[in-house]
Amino acid sequence: MNRKLLVLLIVSFFASVSPIIPNEVKATKLELEAEEAEKKGDMRKAESLRIQAATLRKYFFRPFQDGYLGRNKEDRDHKLPNAISFSGRNFLGGSWELGFRFIANEGFFYPGRTWADDDGAIAFQGNSFFKPRGGVGYQNIEPLPFSSESPTNYGRKNALTPKFLYKHNSKKWGLEYSNIPFQTGYNYYSFGFINNPLTAWHDSRIRIQDHKLVLKIYDELTKDMWFSWDFGLRMGQIKTDTAYTSASLGEGRSASDVTNFTAASAGFKFYHAVIKEFSYELGGDLFLTPFGSLRYNRTVLKNANSFDLYRGANLAVDEVYSIRSADSLRTNIAGLDILVQANFMPISNHKFSLGVQSIQYSFRANESKMPTILALTEESYLSGLRDYYFSSAFYEADGNPNRPTRSYSIFNYYFGYSYVF
């Protein structure tokens, strides 16, 4: 009995040092009482006292579960700061954020390897060391060796997009939807010299729609910091239109292609409420699908007596042919989405945001099936076959995994407003 009293005295001494120790004192005392009850044969009372001791320790020794020691019930049950959780009227069992974002975006386009001589296999099949590739479009071979187009092409555009966020009252999960549109166009020329100076004028257009729905699983780090695991689905489309005309070459081409994809995504986001009216968040996610689909179509017109770059000779007659995908081409698409956002809530139920978002799409198509070729004459049909064979070296037509992927990078700078309830 004296030993037990000594233990109680030592534990009581350290109680003045840490706010956790008084609760351990209570737990220890309950265990001692349980031992006494056990000696007297009162097993029911002993079990009850041990449960009380275990309950005390459960709530005051949880640094990993609760984020810091000594949290009382009010702290454990605190609501996330208004800058994020928007406590107020509940609708469908949770809080809502409905609003829009005004986006100023900028795009950069990378064609993979720019020149045929970067890869001997491409140069051999393509019948030329000097055919460069444009940045936009699946069908992006230039007709002449040199181009005023930047190796890293870019375009800018503004857009207004909707956004909503739902957070369940349990503060454990929520849903978020956002839309990321992009479109731009630019012009440039290419030039070369075959007997005489040659030039061609180019026009390129690209449109991207990317819809993102995310299931968010929230977890706390501390009272003012938490994060979410984000598991989502992205549904999008990339559409390009390119064309060129050349009086000196005596030919013109119009090409279009559409890539559709549905990709799974996974990532996380970190939140920090600095004060009640201000918070910030940062994070990102990866998305991937091997089941994208691409369809393309190009139409070529060539005048008689013009120089055919594929044949290396002048044409005898006018030629008109069209090459289009017979079936959708399987396309691998992978990407990375990174976001940094600052939130301001100076007035109740009204939230303002400033943010920067970077999205990169990398893709590779596998054209393993013969396309459909429509031609005006027999000579035109043979030219279409020749065009398909030579150009397929540049378009990853054989599915060679060593070919470089092409990529589009989109940067969004945005201002957002949301009504929260």
Protein backbone atom coordinates (compact mmCIF):
# COMPACT_ATOMS: atom_id res chain seq x y z
CA MET A 1 0.00 0.00 0.00
CA ASN A 2 2.90 2.38 0.80
CA ARG A 3 4.37 1.74 -2.67
CA LYS A 4 1.07 2.70 -4.29
CA LEU A 5 0.97 5.97 -2.33
CA LEU A 6 4.52 6.73 -3.42
CA VAL A 7 3.55 6.26 -7.08
CA LEU A 8 0.61 8.64 -6.64
CA LEU A 9 2.88 11.28 -5.02
CA ILE A 10 5.43 11.11 -7.86
CA VAL A 11 2.76 11.34 -10.56
CA SER A 12 1.11 14.26 -8.75
CA PHE A 13 4.42 16.13 -8.67
CA PHE A 14 4.75 16.05 -12.45
CA ALA A 15 1.17 17.24 -12.86
CA SER A 16 2.36 20.82 -12.51
CA VAL A 17 4.69 20.35 -15.49
CA SER A 18 2.30 19.03 -18.15
CA PRO A 19 -1.48 19.38 -18.67
CA ILE A 20 -1.60 15.69 -19.65
CA ILE A 21 -0.35 14.29 -16.34
CA PRO A 22 -3.46 15.08 -14.20
CA ASN A 23 -5.46 12.84 -16.48
CA GLU A 24 -2.89 10.08 -16.16
CA VAL A 25 -3.15 10.48 -12.40
CA LYS A 26 -6.89 9.89 -12.64
CA ALA A 27 -6.34 6.88 -14.88
CA THR A 28 -3.73 5.41 -12.52
CA LYS A 29 -5.99 5.95 -9.51
CA LEU A 30 -8.85 4.20 -11.29
CA GLU A 31 -6.59 1.23 -12.03
CA LEU A 32 -5.53 1.05 -8.38
CA GLU A 33 -9.17 1.09 -7.31
CA ALA A 34 -9.84 -1.64 -9.84
CA GLU A 35 -7.14 -3.79 -8.24
CA GLU A 36 -8.68 -3.24 -4.79
CA ALA A 37 -12.13 -4.17 -6.13
CA GLU A 38 -10.64 -7.29 -7.72
CA LYS A 39 -9.12 -8.35 -4.40
CA LYS A 40 -12.53 -7.99 -2.78
CA GLY A 41 -14.05 -10.18 -5.49
CA ASP A 42 -16.09 -7.39 -7.16
CA MET A 43 -15.11 -8.19 -10.76
CA ARG A 44 -17.91 -6.11 -12.28
CA LYS A 45 -16.74 -2.94 -10.54
CA ALA A 46 -13.10 -3.67 -11.45
CA GLU A 47 -13.96 -4.00 -15.15
CA SER A 48 -15.95 -0.73 -15.08
CA LEU A 49 -13.03 1.15 -13.48
CA ARG A 50 -10.58 -0.18 -16.07
CA ILE A 51 -12.86 0.96 -18.92
CA GLN A 52 -12.94 4.46 -17.40
CA ALA A 53 -9.13 4.51 -17.19
CA ALA A 54 -8.80 3.37 -20.82
CA THR A 55 -11.27 6.04 -21.94
CA LEU A 56 -9.22 8.78 -20.26
CA ARG A 57 -6.04 7.64 -21.96
CA LYS A 58 -7.79 7.34 -25.32
CA TYR A 59 -8.57 11.06 -25.42
CA PHE A 60 -5.37 12.42 -23.91
CA PHE A 61 -2.69 10.29 -25.56
CA ARG A 62 -3.56 10.61 -29.29
CA PRO A 63 -0.85 12.75 -30.91
CA PHE A 64 -1.13 10.94 -34.22
CA GLN A 65 -4.88 10.74 -34.45
CA ASP A 66 -5.71 14.25 -33.22
CA GLY A 67 -2.61 16.12 -34.29
CA TYR A 68 -1.61 17.49 -30.88
CA LEU A 69 -1.81 16.46 -27.22
CA GLY A 70 -4.36 17.39 -24.64
CA ARG A 71 -7.30 18.22 -26.91
CA ASN A 72 -10.56 18.50 -25.09
CA LYS A 73 -13.90 17.54 -26.56
CA GLU A 74 -14.61 21.07 -27.85
CA ASP A 75 -11.34 21.06 -29.79
CA ARG A 76 -11.93 17.60 -31.19
CA ASP A 77 -15.35 18.55 -32.41
CA HIS A 78 -14.37 21.96 -33.77
CA LYS A 79 -15.70 23.05 -37.15
CA LEU A 80 -13.29 23.83 -39.93
CA PRO A 81 -12.76 27.60 -40.27
CA ASN A 82 -15.35 29.51 -42.24
CA ALA A 83 -12.81 30.30 -44.92
CA ILE A 84 -13.24 26.72 -46.11
CA SER A 85 -16.19 25.01 -44.48
CA PHE A 86 -18.69 27.90 -44.69
CA SER A 87 -20.84 26.95 -41.75
CA GLY A 88 -24.38 28.20 -42.07
CA ARG A 89 -27.61 26.88 -43.47
CA ASN A 90 -27.44 23.22 -44.43
CA PHE A 91 -28.81 21.84 -47.68
CA LEU A 92 -28.84 18.12 -48.44
CA GLY A 93 -26.87 17.40 -45.31
CA GLY A 94 -23.90 19.67 -45.94
CA SER A 95 -22.48 23.05 -46.93
CA TRP A 96 -22.20 24.32 -50.51
CA GLU A 97 -19.97 26.63 -52.49
CA LEU A 98 -21.40 27.77 -55.85
CA GLY A 99 -19.51 30.19 -58.05
CA PHE A 100 -17.40 30.91 -61.08
CA ARG A 101 -13.81 31.54 -62.09
CA PHE A 102 -12.56 34.12 -64.60
CA ILE A 103 -9.54 32.45 -66.19
CA ALA A 104 -6.73 33.98 -68.20
CA ASN A 105 -4.88 31.03 -69.66
CA GLU A 106 -1.78 30.43 -71.70
CA GLY A 107 -0.82 27.33 -73.65
CA PHE A 108 2.49 25.82 -74.77
CA PHE A 109 2.68 23.00 -77.33
CA TYR A 110 5.53 20.54 -77.78
CA PRO A 111 5.63 18.30 -80.90
CA GLY A 112 8.03 15.70 -79.52
CA ARG A 113 11.09 15.51 -81.77
CA THR A 114 10.98 18.47 -84.09
CA TRP A 115 13.08 17.13 -86.97
CA ALA A 116 13.15 13.79 -88.74
CA ASP A 117 16.92 13.44 -88.37
CA ASP A 118 16.45 13.14 -84.58
CA ASP A 119 15.41 9.55 -85.27
CA GLY A 120 16.94 7.56 -88.11
CA ALA A 121 13.92 5.24 -88.38
CA ILE A 122 11.60 8.21 -88.86
CA ALA A 123 13.90 9.81 -91.43
CA PHE A 124 14.18 6.53 -93.40
CA GLN A 125 10.46 5.81 -93.50
CA GLY A 126 9.52 9.46 -93.96
CA ASN A 127 11.90 9.69 -96.98
CA SER A 128 13.35 12.95 -95.69
CA PHE A 129 15.74 14.24 -93.04
CA PHE A 130 14.27 17.71 -93.20
CA LYS A 131 10.59 17.46 -92.43
CA PRO A 132 9.85 19.38 -89.24
CA ARG A 133 6.79 18.93 -87.05
CA GLY A 134 4.42 21.62 -85.88
CA GLY A 135 3.36 21.92 -82.26
CA VAL A 136 -0.42 21.56 -82.69
CA GLY A 137 -2.31 18.66 -84.15
CA TYR A 138 -1.87 14.96 -84.64
CA GLN A 139 -1.21 15.57 -88.37
CA ASN A 140 1.53 18.11 -87.85
CA ILE A 141 4.15 17.60 -90.60
CA GLU A 142 5.25 20.86 -92.20
CA PRO A 143 5.50 20.88 -96.03
CA LEU A 144 8.81 22.80 -96.04
CA PRO A 145 11.98 22.42 -93.96
CA PHE A 146 12.07 25.78 -92.15
CA SER A 147 9.38 27.51 -90.18
CA SER A 148 8.75 30.80 -88.39
CA GLU A 149 6.83 28.81 -85.80
CA SER A 150 8.51 28.75 -82.39
CA PRO A 151 9.67 25.28 -81.24
CA THR A 152 7.51 25.93 -78.20
CA ASN A 153 4.31 27.39 -79.59
CA TYR A 154 1.93 29.27 -77.39
CA GLY A 155 -1.45 30.96 -77.34
CA ARG A 156 -3.56 32.96 -74.89
CA LYS A 157 -7.29 33.13 -74.20
CA ASN A 158 -9.73 34.15 -71.44
CA ALA A 159 -12.75 32.18 -70.22
CA LEU A 160 -15.49 32.19 -67.57
CA THR A 161 -16.13 28.78 -65.98
CA PRO A 162 -18.45 27.39 -63.25
CA LYS A 163 -17.33 25.62 -60.09
CA PHE A 164 -19.07 24.01 -57.11
CA LEU A 165 -17.98 22.37 -53.88
CA TYR A 166 -20.12 20.28 -51.51
CA LYS A 167 -18.94 19.27 -48.03
CA HIS A 168 -20.87 16.83 -45.89
CA ASN A 169 -21.77 17.82 -42.32
CA SER A 170 -19.49 15.08 -40.99
CA LYS A 171 -16.56 17.07 -42.42
CA LYS A 172 -15.13 13.75 -43.62
CA TRP A 173 -15.95 13.89 -47.34
CA GLY A 174 -17.14 16.17 -50.11
CA LEU A 175 -17.52 16.61 -53.88
CA GLU A 176 -15.97 19.19 -56.19
CA TYR A 177 -16.63 20.00 -59.85
CA SER A 178 -14.61 22.30 -62.10
CA ASN A 179 -14.28 22.94 -65.81
CA ILE A 180 -11.03 23.95 -67.51
CA PRO A 181 -11.57 25.24 -71.07
CA PHE A 182 -8.86 26.48 -73.41
CA GLN A 183 -8.79 27.65 -77.00
CA THR A 184 -6.37 29.61 -79.14
CA GLY A 185 -5.06 30.01 -82.66
CA TYR A 186 -2.00 31.36 -84.38
CA ASN A 187 -0.53 31.80 -87.87
CA TYR A 188 2.98 31.33 -89.23
CA TYR A 189 4.81 30.51 -92.47
CA SER A 190 7.32 27.91 -93.61
CA PHE A 191 9.89 28.21 -96.35
CA GLY A 192 12.49 26.24 -98.31
CA PHE A 193 14.35 26.09 -101.63
CA ILE A 194 13.83 23.42 -104.30
CA ASN A 195 14.90 24.87 -107.68
CA ASN A 196 13.17 28.08 -106.58
CA PRO A 197 12.29 29.74 -103.24
CA LEU A 198 9.16 28.16 -101.75
CA THR A 199 6.82 29.42 -99.03
CA ALA A 200 3.61 28.22 -97.32
CA TRP A 201 1.17 30.02 -95.03
CA HIS A 202 -0.17 28.11 -92.00
CA ASP A 203 -3.19 28.51 -89.75
CA SER A 204 -3.54 26.47 -86.51
CA ARG A 205 -6.42 26.27 -84.01
CA ILE A 206 -6.81 24.23 -80.80
CA ARG A 207 -9.72 23.81 -78.36
CA ILE A 208 -9.62 21.89 -75.10
CA GLN A 209 -12.50 21.05 -72.75
CA ASP A 210 -11.69 19.28 -69.48
CA HIS A 211 -14.43 18.46 -66.94
CA LYS A 212 -13.26 17.29 -63.53
CA LEU A 213 -15.37 15.66 -60.77
CA VAL A 214 -13.57 14.83 -57.52
CA LEU A 215 -14.46 12.89 -54.37
CA LYS A 216 -12.58 14.51 -51.47
CA ILE A 217 -11.73 12.60 -48.28
CA TYR A 218 -10.77 15.06 -45.51
CA ASP A 219 -8.40 14.47 -42.62
CA GLU A 220 -7.02 16.87 -40.01
CA LEU A 221 -3.41 17.66 -39.18
CA THR A 222 -4.08 20.35 -36.53
CA LYS A 223 -6.95 22.61 -35.62
CA ASP A 224 -6.08 25.05 -38.44
CA MET A 225 -4.47 22.71 -40.99
CA TRP A 226 -5.92 19.74 -42.81
CA PHE A 227 -5.73 17.96 -46.14
CA SER A 228 -7.88 15.98 -48.54
CA TRP A 229 -7.26 12.87 -50.60
CA ASP A 230 -8.76 13.57 -54.02
CA PHE A 231 -10.05 10.75 -56.23
CA GLY A 232 -11.66 11.90 -59.44
CA LEU A 233 -12.75 11.42 -63.00
CA ARG A 234 -11.74 13.70 -65.87
CA MET A 235 -13.73 13.80 -69.09
CA GLY A 236 -12.34 15.91 -71.89
CA GLN A 237 -11.81 16.60 -75.55
CA ILE A 238 -8.88 18.05 -77.51
CA LYS A 239 -9.75 19.33 -80.99
CA THR A 240 -7.30 20.81 -83.48
CA ASP A 241 -7.68 22.28 -86.96
CA THR A 242 -4.66 23.06 -89.11
CA ALA A 243 -4.31 24.18 -92.71
CA TYR A 244 -1.71 25.52 -95.11
CA THR A 245 -1.69 26.93 -98.62
CA SER A 246 1.28 27.46 -100.90
CA ALA A 247 1.13 29.07 -104.34
CA SER A 248 4.80 28.30 -104.98
CA LEU A 249 4.28 24.62 -104.11
CA GLY A 250 0.96 24.52 -105.92
CA GLU A 251 -0.81 22.71 -103.08
CA GLY A 252 -2.92 23.11 -99.96
CA ARG A 253 -4.03 20.95 -97.05
CA SER A 254 -6.76 21.06 -94.44
CA ALA A 255 -6.55 18.74 -91.42
CA SER A 256 -8.60 18.21 -88.29
CA ASP A 257 -8.48 15.72 -85.43
CA VAL A 258 -10.46 15.11 -82.23
CA THR A 259 -9.21 13.27 -79.14
CA ASN A 260 -11.73 12.21 -76.48
CA PHE A 261 -10.72 10.80 -73.11
CA THR A 262 -12.05 9.72 -69.74
CA ALA A 263 -9.26 9.41 -67.21
CA ALA A 264 -9.03 8.42 -63.57
CA SER A 265 -7.17 10.85 -61.30
CA ALA A 266 -5.69 10.73 -57.79
CA GLY A 267 -3.97 13.36 -55.68
CA PHE A 268 -4.15 15.43 -52.53
CA LYS A 269 -4.63 19.02 -51.40
CA PHE A 270 -3.33 20.81 -48.30
CA TYR A 271 -5.33 23.57 -46.54
CA HIS A 272 -4.24 26.15 -43.96
CA ALA A 273 -6.61 28.66 -42.34
CA VAL A 274 -4.26 31.48 -41.30
CA ILE A 275 -7.07 33.60 -39.84
CA LYS A 276 -10.83 33.42 -40.01
CA GLU A 277 -10.98 35.60 -43.15
CA PHE A 278 -7.98 34.16 -45.01
CA SER A 279 -6.77 30.70 -45.98
CA TYR A 280 -4.75 29.09 -48.71
CA GLU A 281 -4.63 25.69 -50.38
CA LEU A 282 -2.18 23.88 -52.61
CA GLY A 283 -1.99 20.45 -54.15
CA GLY A 284 -2.35 18.48 -57.32
CA ASP A 285 -3.28 15.22 -58.95
CA LEU A 286 -2.14 12.82 -61.64
CA PHE A 287 -4.47 11.46 -64.31
CA LEU A 288 -3.97 8.62 -66.74
CA THR A 289 -5.87 6.60 -69.30
CA PRO A 290 -4.78 4.11 -71.97
CA PHE A 291 -8.23 4.25 -73.55
CA GLY A 292 -8.35 7.67 -75.18
CA SER A 293 -9.67 7.76 -78.74
CA LEU A 294 -8.50 9.88 -81.66
CA ARG A 295 -10.14 10.43 -85.03
CA TYR A 296 -8.47 12.42 -87.80
CA ASN A 297 -9.15 13.62 -91.32
CA ARG A 298 -7.01 15.50 -93.84
CA THR A 299 -7.70 16.62 -97.39
CA VAL A 300 -4.92 17.49 -99.83
CA LEU A 301 -5.13 19.32 -103.16
CA LYS A 302 -2.17 19.48 -105.59
CA ASN A 303 -1.95 21.25 -108.94
CA ALA A 304 -0.54 19.67 -112.07
CA ASN A 305 3.15 20.48 -112.70
CA SER A 306 3.66 21.22 -108.98
CA PHE A 307 6.55 19.56 -107.16
CA ASP A 308 5.53 16.56 -105.04
CA LEU A 309 7.75 16.35 -101.96
CA TYR A 310 6.87 12.68 -101.37
CA ARG A 311 7.55 11.63 -104.96
CA GLY A 312 10.46 14.01 -105.59
CA ALA A 313 9.10 14.97 -109.03
CA ASN A 314 6.54 17.22 -110.70
CA LEU A 315 2.94 15.99 -110.94
CA ALA A 316 1.45 15.20 -114.33
CA VAL A 317 -2.19 15.89 -113.35
CA ASP A 318 -4.18 17.55 -110.58
CA GLU A 319 -4.59 15.38 -107.49
CA VAL A 320 -7.22 15.48 -104.74
CA TYR A 321 -7.39 12.92 -101.94
CA SER A 322 -8.63 12.59 -98.39
CA ILE A 323 -7.17 10.40 -95.61
CA ARG A 324 -9.27 9.69 -92.56
CA SER A 325 -9.13 7.23 -89.66
CA ALA A 326 -11.28 4.20 -90.36
CA ASP A 327 -11.69 3.59 -86.60
CA SER A 328 -10.82 5.57 -83.52
CA LEU A 329 -7.14 5.27 -82.70
CA ARG A 330 -6.30 4.11 -79.21
CA THR A 331 -4.45 6.93 -77.47
CA ASN A 332 -2.52 6.95 -74.20
CA ILE A 333 -3.01 10.17 -72.27
CA ALA A 334 -1.28 11.13 -69.03
CA GLY A 335 -1.19 14.41 -67.20
CA LEU A 336 -0.34 16.42 -64.12
CA ASP A 337 -2.57 19.10 -62.55
CA ILE A 338 -1.04 21.45 -59.91
CA LEU A 339 -2.89 24.28 -58.14
CA VAL A 340 -2.09 27.05 -55.63
CA GLN A 341 -5.00 29.19 -54.39
CA ALA A 342 -5.55 31.97 -51.83
CA ASN A 343 -9.07 32.43 -50.34
CA PHE A 344 -10.51 35.62 -48.87
CA MET A 345 -13.83 35.83 -47.03
CA PRO A 346 -14.27 39.44 -45.82
CA ILE A 347 -18.09 39.10 -45.73
CA SER A 348 -20.08 36.16 -44.44
CA ASN A 349 -21.19 33.78 -47.22
CA HIS A 350 -19.05 35.50 -49.88
CA LYS A 351 -15.70 34.02 -50.87
CA PHE A 352 -13.10 35.43 -53.27
CA SER A 353 -10.16 33.46 -54.66
CA LEU A 354 -6.93 34.09 -56.52
CA GLY A 355 -5.08 31.15 -57.97
CA VAL A 356 -2.59 29.65 -60.41
CA GLN A 357 -3.12 26.27 -62.05
CA SER A 358 -0.83 24.27 -64.33
CA ILE A 359 -2.08 21.31 -66.40
CA GLN A 360 0.02 19.19 -68.75
CA TYR A 361 -1.39 16.67 -71.22
CA SER A 362 0.99 14.15 -72.80
CA PHE A 363 -0.33 11.78 -75.45
CA ARG A 364 0.70 9.13 -77.94
CA ALA A 365 -1.54 7.57 -80.58
CA ASN A 366 -1.25 4.09 -82.08
CA GLU A 367 -2.39 3.97 -85.67
CA SER A 368 -2.09 0.26 -86.33
CA LYS A 369 -5.00 0.07 -88.77
CA MET A 370 -5.11 1.22 -92.38
CA PRO A 371 -7.08 4.47 -92.80
CA THR A 372 -9.83 5.16 -95.31
CA ILE A 373 -8.50 6.91 -98.44
CA LEU A 374 -10.86 8.74 -100.79
CA ALA A 375 -9.43 10.00 -104.10
CA LEU A 376 -10.54 11.77 -107.25
CA THR A 377 -8.41 9.69 -109.59
CA GLU A 378 -6.22 6.58 -109.52
CA GLU A 379 -3.10 8.78 -109.38
CA SER A 380 -4.63 10.63 -106.44
CA TYR A 381 -5.28 7.35 -104.62
CA LEU A 382 -1.64 6.26 -105.06
CA SER A 383 -0.52 9.66 -103.74
CA GLY A 384 -2.81 9.15 -100.74
CA LEU A 385 -1.19 5.76 -100.02
CA ARG A 386 2.26 7.31 -100.37
CA ASP A 387 1.25 10.17 -98.06
CA TYR A 388 -0.03 7.73 -95.42
CA TYR A 389 3.12 5.57 -95.49
CA PHE A 390 5.61 8.43 -95.29
CA SER A 391 3.69 10.53 -92.79
CA SER A 392 2.93 7.59 -90.49
CA ALA A 393 6.60 7.65 -89.44
CA PHE A 394 5.93 11.02 -87.84
CA TYR A 395 2.54 10.14 -86.36
CA GLU A 396 3.53 7.13 -84.22
CA ALA A 397 1.51 5.02 -86.63
CA ASP A 398 3.35 1.81 -85.82
CA GLY A 399 2.86 2.21 -82.07
CA ASN A 400 6.62 2.35 -81.46
CA PRO A 401 6.95 2.94 -77.69
CA ASN A 402 10.30 4.68 -78.20
CA ARG A 403 8.73 7.54 -80.13
CA PRO A 404 8.56 10.78 -78.13
CA THR A 405 5.16 11.79 -76.82
CA ARG A 406 3.67 15.13 -77.70
CA SER A 407 2.40 17.39 -74.97
CA TYR A 408 0.30 20.48 -74.33
CA SER A 409 0.87 22.61 -71.22
CA ILE A 410 -1.87 24.98 -70.05
CA PHE A 411 -1.37 27.65 -67.37
CA ASN A 412 -4.47 29.21 -65.80
CA TYR A 413 -4.40 32.44 -63.80
CA TYR A 414 -7.79 33.06 -62.28
CA PHE A 415 -10.01 35.15 -60.04
CA GLY A 416 -12.98 33.37 -58.48
CA TYR A 417 -16.14 34.25 -56.61
CA SER A 418 -18.41 31.86 -54.73
CA TYR A 419 -21.58 32.16 -52.66
CA VAL A 420 -21.44 29.79 -49.73
CA PHE A 421 -24.29 28.37 -47.69
